[in-house]
Structure formats: structure tokens, C-alpha cells
Amino acid sequence: MKKWYWRTRYHALALASGTLFFLDGCFLSDQQLAQVWQSVITTGLTTLMSNLLQTLLGQQVV
């Protein structure tokens, strides 16, 4: 069950990063691109930590 989950996540990340590369950042400035990537990384780390805590504690973490 987890195999399809990680495969889906990998393809979503590859599609997002490939699109940004292909479109050359959609004509965003370096500062705007940095803010987008900071948001993506922060959201990913928050989700990862939430899932980790949920797994370790065995309950819903808010």
C-alpha cells in the first residue's frame, strides 16, 4: 500500500519541478522563486513531521 503512495508523491514532485524548469520559473524573479520553494519545502517538512508524530503516537496530531 505504501509503495503506490511514495510513487505518486515522487511523480508529483517530478512533475512540479519539471514544470518549473520547463517554464523557466514562469518569468518569476529569483526572490519570488525562492519564496515558492521555501513554501514548498516548509509544507513538505510540516507534513512529514506531522505524519511521523501521528505514526509514533498512534493518534491524530493537529
PDB file of N, CA and C in Angstrom:
ATOM      1  N   MET A   1       0.823  -1.186   0.000  1.00  0.00           N
ATOM      2  CA  MET A   1       0.000   0.000   0.000  1.00  0.00           C
ATOM      3  C   MET A   1       0.871   1.255   0.000  1.00  0.00           C
ATOM      4  N   LYS A   2       1.957   1.247   0.728  1.00  0.00           N
ATOM      5  CA  LYS A   2       2.807   2.425   0.790  1.00  0.00           C
ATOM      6  C   LYS A   2       3.587   2.645  -0.499  1.00  0.00           C
ATOM      7  N   LYS A   3       3.804   1.565  -1.259  1.00  0.00           N
ATOM      8  CA  LYS A   3       4.590   1.687  -2.480  1.00  0.00           C
ATOM      9  C   LYS A   3       3.921   2.630  -3.479  1.00  0.00           C
ATOM     10  N   TRP A   4       2.619   2.504  -3.690  1.00  0.00           N
ATOM     11  CA  TRP A   4       1.914   3.372  -4.618  1.00  0.00           C
ATOM     12  C   TRP A   4       1.889   4.802  -4.106  1.00  0.00           C
ATOM     13  N   TYR A   5       1.821   4.967  -2.782  1.00  0.00           N
ATOM     14  CA  TYR A   5       1.789   6.300  -2.174  1.00  0.00           C
ATOM     15  C   TYR A   5       3.083   7.046  -2.485  1.00  0.00           C
ATOM     16  N   TRP A   6       4.224   6.383  -2.258  1.00  0.00           N
ATOM     17  CA  TRP A   6       5.507   7.032  -2.498  1.00  0.00           C
ATOM     18  C   TRP A   6       5.753   7.248  -3.995  1.00  0.00           C
ATOM     19  N   ARG A   7       5.282   6.340  -4.810  1.00  0.00           N
ATOM     20  CA  ARG A   7       5.418   6.502  -6.252  1.00  0.00           C
ATOM     21  C   ARG A   7       4.615   7.713  -6.720  1.00  0.00           C
ATOM     22  N   THR A   8       3.410   7.871  -6.194  1.00  0.00           N
ATOM     23  CA  THR A   8       2.573   9.010  -6.541  1.00  0.00           C
ATOM     24  C   THR A   8       3.212  10.309  -6.090  1.00  0.00           C
ATOM     25  N   ARG A   9       3.756  10.317  -4.865  1.00  0.00           N
ATOM     26  CA  ARG A   9       4.414  11.526  -4.348  1.00  0.00           C
ATOM     27  C   ARG A   9       5.637  11.875  -5.194  1.00  0.00           C
ATOM     28  N   TYR A  10       6.402  10.878  -5.596  1.00  0.00           N
ATOM     29  CA  TYR A  10       7.590  11.105  -6.410  1.00  0.00           C
ATOM     30  C   TYR A  10       7.204  11.720  -7.760  1.00  0.00           C
ATOM     31  N   HIS A  11       6.165  11.176  -8.374  1.00  0.00           N
ATOM     32  CA  HIS A  11       5.739  11.687  -9.674  1.00  0.00           C
ATOM     33  C   HIS A  11       5.192  13.109  -9.557  1.00  0.00           C
ATOM     34  N   ALA A  12       4.507  13.409  -8.476  1.00  0.00           N
ATOM     35  CA  ALA A  12       4.001  14.771  -8.278  1.00  0.00           C
ATOM     36  C   ALA A  12       5.154  15.751  -8.128  1.00  0.00           C
ATOM     37  N   LEU A  13       6.173  15.378  -7.357  1.00  0.00           N
ATOM     38  CA  LEU A  13       7.339  16.241  -7.185  1.00  0.00           C
ATOM     39  C   LEU A  13       8.091  16.409  -8.504  1.00  0.00           C
ATOM     40  N   ALA A  14       8.259  15.312  -9.232  1.00  0.00           N
ATOM     41  CA  ALA A  14       8.954  15.381 -10.521  1.00  0.00           C
ATOM     42  C   ALA A  14       8.191  16.252 -11.508  1.00  0.00           C
ATOM     43  N   LEU A  15       6.882  16.143 -11.525  1.00  0.00           N
ATOM     44  CA  LEU A  15       6.069  16.956 -12.425  1.00  0.00           C
ATOM     45  C   LEU A  15       6.168  18.430 -12.055  1.00  0.00           C
ATOM     46  N   ALA A  16       6.089  18.736 -10.771  1.00  0.00           N
ATOM     47  CA  ALA A  16       6.162  20.139 -10.333  1.00  0.00           C
ATOM     48  C   ALA A  16       7.517  20.749 -10.651  1.00  0.00           C
ATOM     49  N   SER A  17       8.588  20.048 -10.323  1.00  0.00           N
ATOM     50  CA  SER A  17       9.920  20.597 -10.578  1.00  0.00           C
ATOM     51  C   SER A  17      10.213  20.650 -12.078  1.00  0.00           C
ATOM     52  N   GLY A  18       9.759  19.673 -12.819  1.00  0.00           N
ATOM     53  CA  GLY A  18       9.951  19.678 -14.262  1.00  0.00           C
ATOM     54  C   GLY A  18       9.201  20.821 -14.926  1.00  0.00           C
ATOM     55  N   THR A  19       8.010  21.111 -14.437  1.00  0.00           N
ATOM     56  CA  THR A  19       7.226  22.209 -14.988  1.00  0.00           C
ATOM     57  C   THR A  19       7.919  23.541 -14.730  1.00  0.00           C
ATOM     58  N   LEU A  20       8.427  23.735 -13.517  1.00  0.00           N
ATOM     59  CA  LEU A  20       9.148  24.975 -13.214  1.00  0.00           C
ATOM     60  C   LEU A  20      10.389  25.115 -14.082  1.00  0.00           C
ATOM     61  N   PHE A  21      11.094  24.016 -14.279  1.00  0.00           N
ATOM     62  CA  PHE A  21      12.288  24.059 -15.129  1.00  0.00           C
ATOM     63  C   PHE A  21      11.916  24.364 -16.579  1.00  0.00           C
ATOM     64  N   PHE A  22      10.880  23.695 -17.068  1.00  0.00           N
ATOM     65  CA  PHE A  22      10.463  23.868 -18.460  1.00  0.00           C
ATOM     66  C   PHE A  22       9.971  25.284 -18.731  1.00  0.00           C
ATOM     67  N   LEU A  23       9.194  25.829 -17.813  1.00  0.00           N
ATOM     68  CA  LEU A  23       8.642  27.166 -17.996  1.00  0.00           C
ATOM     69  C   LEU A  23       9.601  28.256 -17.530  1.00  0.00           C
ATOM     70  N   ASP A  24      10.778  27.867 -17.088  1.00  0.00           N
ATOM     71  CA  ASP A  24      11.797  28.800 -16.624  1.00  0.00           C
ATOM     72  C   ASP A  24      11.265  29.687 -15.509  1.00  0.00           C
ATOM     73  N   GLY A  25      10.540  29.060 -14.582  1.00  0.00           N
ATOM     74  CA  GLY A  25      10.050  29.792 -13.429  1.00  0.00           C
ATOM     75  C   GLY A  25       8.862  30.679 -13.722  1.00  0.00           C
ATOM     76  N   CYS A  26       8.242  30.521 -14.841  1.00  0.00           N
ATOM     77  CA  CYS A  26       7.074  31.327 -15.225  1.00  0.00           C
ATOM     78  C   CYS A  26       7.391  32.811 -15.176  1.00  0.00           C
ATOM     79  N   PHE A  27       8.620  33.163 -15.534  1.00  0.00           N
ATOM     80  CA  PHE A  27       9.061  34.551 -15.558  1.00  0.00           C
ATOM     81  C   PHE A  27       8.985  35.217 -14.192  1.00  0.00           C
ATOM     82  N   LEU A  28       9.197  34.437 -13.143  1.00  0.00           N
ATOM     83  CA  LEU A  28       9.246  34.983 -11.787  1.00  0.00           C
ATOM     84  C   LEU A  28      10.667  35.437 -11.483  1.00  0.00           C
ATOM     85  N   SER A  29      10.774  36.389 -10.582  1.00  0.00           N
ATOM     86  CA  SER A  29      12.102  36.838 -10.168  1.00  0.00           C
ATOM     87  C   SER A  29      12.725  35.779  -9.261  1.00  0.00           C
ATOM     88  N   ASP A  30      14.016  35.930  -9.004  1.00  0.00           N
ATOM     89  CA  ASP A  30      14.701  34.983  -8.127  1.00  0.00           C
ATOM     90  C   ASP A  30      14.092  34.990  -6.733  1.00  0.00           C
ATOM     91  N   GLN A  31      13.717  36.161  -6.249  1.00  0.00           N
ATOM     92  CA  GLN A  31      13.124  36.263  -4.913  1.00  0.00           C
ATOM     93  C   GLN A  31      11.775  35.544  -4.878  1.00  0.00           C
ATOM     94  N   GLN A  32      10.973  35.698  -5.907  1.00  0.00           N
ATOM     95  CA  GLN A  32       9.675  35.036  -5.950  1.00  0.00           C
ATOM     96  C   GLN A  32       9.836  33.524  -6.030  1.00  0.00           C
ATOM     97  N   LEU A  33      10.793  33.058  -6.846  1.00  0.00           N
ATOM     98  CA  LEU A  33      11.047  31.617  -6.924  1.00  0.00           C
ATOM     99  C   LEU A  33      11.531  31.076  -5.586  1.00  0.00           C
ATOM    100  N   ALA A  34      12.379  31.824  -4.897  1.00  0.00           N
ATOM    101  CA  ALA A  34      12.865  31.398  -3.586  1.00  0.00           C
ATOM    102  C   ALA A  34      11.710  31.292  -2.598  1.00  0.00           C
ATOM    103  N   GLN A  35      10.768  32.215  -2.662  1.00  0.00           N
ATOM    104  CA  GLN A  35       9.611  32.164  -1.771  1.00  0.00           C
ATOM    105  C   GLN A  35       8.727  30.963  -2.072  1.00  0.00           C
ATOM    106  N   VAL A  36       8.572  30.653  -3.352  1.00  0.00           N
ATOM    107  CA  VAL A  36       7.775  29.481  -3.729  1.00  0.00           C
ATOM    108  C   VAL A  36       8.424  28.214  -3.199  1.00  0.00           C
ATOM    109  N   TRP A  37       9.741  28.062  -3.429  1.00  0.00           N
ATOM    110  CA  TRP A  37      10.436  26.861  -2.960  1.00  0.00           C
ATOM    111  C   TRP A  37      10.464  26.787  -1.445  1.00  0.00           C
ATOM    112  N   GLN A  38      10.588  27.930  -0.765  1.00  0.00           N
ATOM    113  CA  GLN A  38      10.557  27.936   0.699  1.00  0.00           C
ATOM    114  C   GLN A  38       9.205  27.435   1.189  1.00  0.00           C
ATOM    115  N   SER A  39       8.141  27.862   0.530  1.00  0.00           N
ATOM    116  CA  SER A  39       6.803  27.413   0.893  1.00  0.00           C
ATOM    117  C   SER A  39       6.641  25.911   0.659  1.00  0.00           C
ATOM    118  N   VAL A  40       7.137  25.432  -0.471  1.00  0.00           N
ATOM    119  CA  VAL A  40       7.039  24.006  -0.792  1.00  0.00           C
ATOM    120  C   VAL A  40       7.804  23.170   0.231  1.00  0.00           C
ATOM    121  N   ILE A  41       9.023  23.590   0.552  1.00  0.00           N
ATOM    122  CA  ILE A  41       9.851  22.839   1.497  1.00  0.00           C
ATOM    123  C   ILE A  41       9.246  22.882   2.894  1.00  0.00           C
ATOM    124  N   THR A  42       8.771  24.050   3.319  1.00  0.00           N
ATOM    125  CA  THR A  42       8.163  24.176   4.644  1.00  0.00           C
ATOM    126  C   THR A  42       6.925  23.303   4.765  1.00  0.00           C
ATOM    127  N   THR A  43       6.085  23.320   3.739  1.00  0.00           N
ATOM    128  CA  THR A  43       4.876  22.494   3.753  1.00  0.00           C
ATOM    129  C   THR A  43       5.229  21.012   3.782  1.00  0.00           C
ATOM    130  N   GLY A  44       6.216  20.624   2.988  1.00  0.00           N
ATOM    131  CA  GLY A  44       6.640  19.221   2.966  1.00  0.00           C
ATOM    132  C   GLY A  44       7.186  18.760   4.302  1.00  0.00           C
ATOM    133  N   LEU A  45       8.027  19.581   4.921  1.00  0.00           N
ATOM    134  CA  LEU A  45       8.591  19.209   6.225  1.00  0.00           C
ATOM    135  C   LEU A  45       7.518  19.154   7.305  1.00  0.00           C
ATOM    136  N   THR A  46       6.582  20.088   7.253  1.00  0.00           N
ATOM    137  CA  THR A  46       5.476  20.083   8.227  1.00  0.00           C
ATOM    138  C   THR A  46       4.647  18.818   8.083  1.00  0.00           C
ATOM    139  N   THR A  47       4.343  18.450   6.848  1.00  0.00           N
ATOM    140  CA  THR A  47       3.570  17.233   6.593  1.00  0.00           C
ATOM    141  C   THR A  47       4.336  15.992   7.043  1.00  0.00           C
ATOM    142  N   LEU A  48       5.624  15.966   6.743  1.00  0.00           N
ATOM    143  CA  LEU A  48       6.453  14.839   7.136  1.00  0.00           C
ATOM    144  C   LEU A  48       6.490  14.680   8.650  1.00  0.00           C
ATOM    145  N   MET A  49       6.706  15.770   9.358  1.00  0.00           N
ATOM    146  CA  MET A  49       6.773  15.708  10.823  1.00  0.00           C
ATOM    147  C   MET A  49       5.419  15.330  11.420  1.00  0.00           C
ATOM    148  N   SER A  50       4.348  15.858  10.853  1.00  0.00           N
ATOM    149  CA  SER A  50       3.009  15.528  11.339  1.00  0.00           C
ATOM    150  C   SER A  50       2.727  14.041  11.162  1.00  0.00           C
ATOM    151  N   ASN A  51       3.076  13.496   9.997  1.00  0.00           N
ATOM    152  CA  ASN A  51       2.863  12.069   9.747  1.00  0.00           C
ATOM    153  C   ASN A  51       3.738  11.205  10.654  1.00  0.00           C
ATOM    154  N   LEU A  52       4.968  11.656  10.883  1.00  0.00           N
ATOM    155  CA  LEU A  52       5.866  10.923  11.758  1.00  0.00           C
ATOM    156  C   LEU A  52       5.323  10.894  13.189  1.00  0.00           C
ATOM    157  N   LEU A  53       4.896  12.041  13.693  1.00  0.00           N
ATOM    158  CA  LEU A  53       4.334  12.100  15.043  1.00  0.00           C
ATOM    159  C   LEU A  53       3.052  11.287  15.140  1.00  0.00           C
ATOM    160  N   GLN A  54       2.246  11.352  14.112  1.00  0.00           N
ATOM    161  CA  GLN A  54       0.999  10.583  14.103  1.00  0.00           C
ATOM    162  C   GLN A  54       1.302   9.089  14.161  1.00  0.00           C
ATOM    163  N   THR A  55       2.298   8.657  13.422  1.00  0.00           N
ATOM    164  CA  THR A  55       2.670   7.246  13.414  1.00  0.00           C
ATOM    165  C   THR A  55       3.233   6.829  14.769  1.00  0.00           C
ATOM    166  N   LEU A  56       4.101   7.662  15.330  1.00  0.00           N
ATOM    167  CA  LEU A  56       4.724   7.322  16.602  1.00  0.00           C
ATOM    168  C   LEU A  56       3.734   7.332  17.756  1.00  0.00           C
ATOM    169  N   LEU A  57       2.826   8.286  17.751  1.00  0.00           N
ATOM    170  CA  LEU A  57       1.884   8.403  18.851  1.00  0.00           C
ATOM    171  C   LEU A  57       0.611   7.598  18.621  1.00  0.00           C
ATOM    172  N   GLY A  58       0.364   7.242  17.381  1.00  0.00           N
ATOM    173  CA  GLY A  58      -0.810   6.422  17.067  1.00  0.00           C
ATOM    174  C   GLY A  58      -2.119   7.154  17.196  1.00  0.00           C
ATOM    175  N   GLN A  59      -2.087   8.458  17.042  1.00  0.00           N
ATOM    176  CA  GLN A  59      -3.306   9.241  17.125  1.00  0.00           C
ATOM    177  C   GLN A  59      -3.193  10.462  16.222  1.00  0.00           C
ATOM    178  N   GLN A  60      -4.303  11.146  16.070  1.00  0.00           N
ATOM    179  CA  GLN A  60      -4.326  12.331  15.215  1.00  0.00           C
ATOM    180  C   GLN A  60      -3.567  13.461  15.887  1.00  0.00           C
ATOM    181  N   VAL A  61      -2.620  14.051  15.151  1.00  0.00           N
ATOM    182  CA  VAL A  61      -1.856  15.183  15.653  1.00  0.00           C
ATOM    183  C   VAL A  61      -2.314  16.405  14.887  1.00  0.00           C
ATOM    184  N   VAL A  62      -2.664  17.438  15.607  1.00  0.00           N
ATOM    185  CA  VAL A  62      -3.135  18.671  14.961  1.00  0.00           C
ATOM    186  C   VAL A  62      -2.076  19.720  15.020  1.00  0.00           C
TER     187      VAL A  62
END
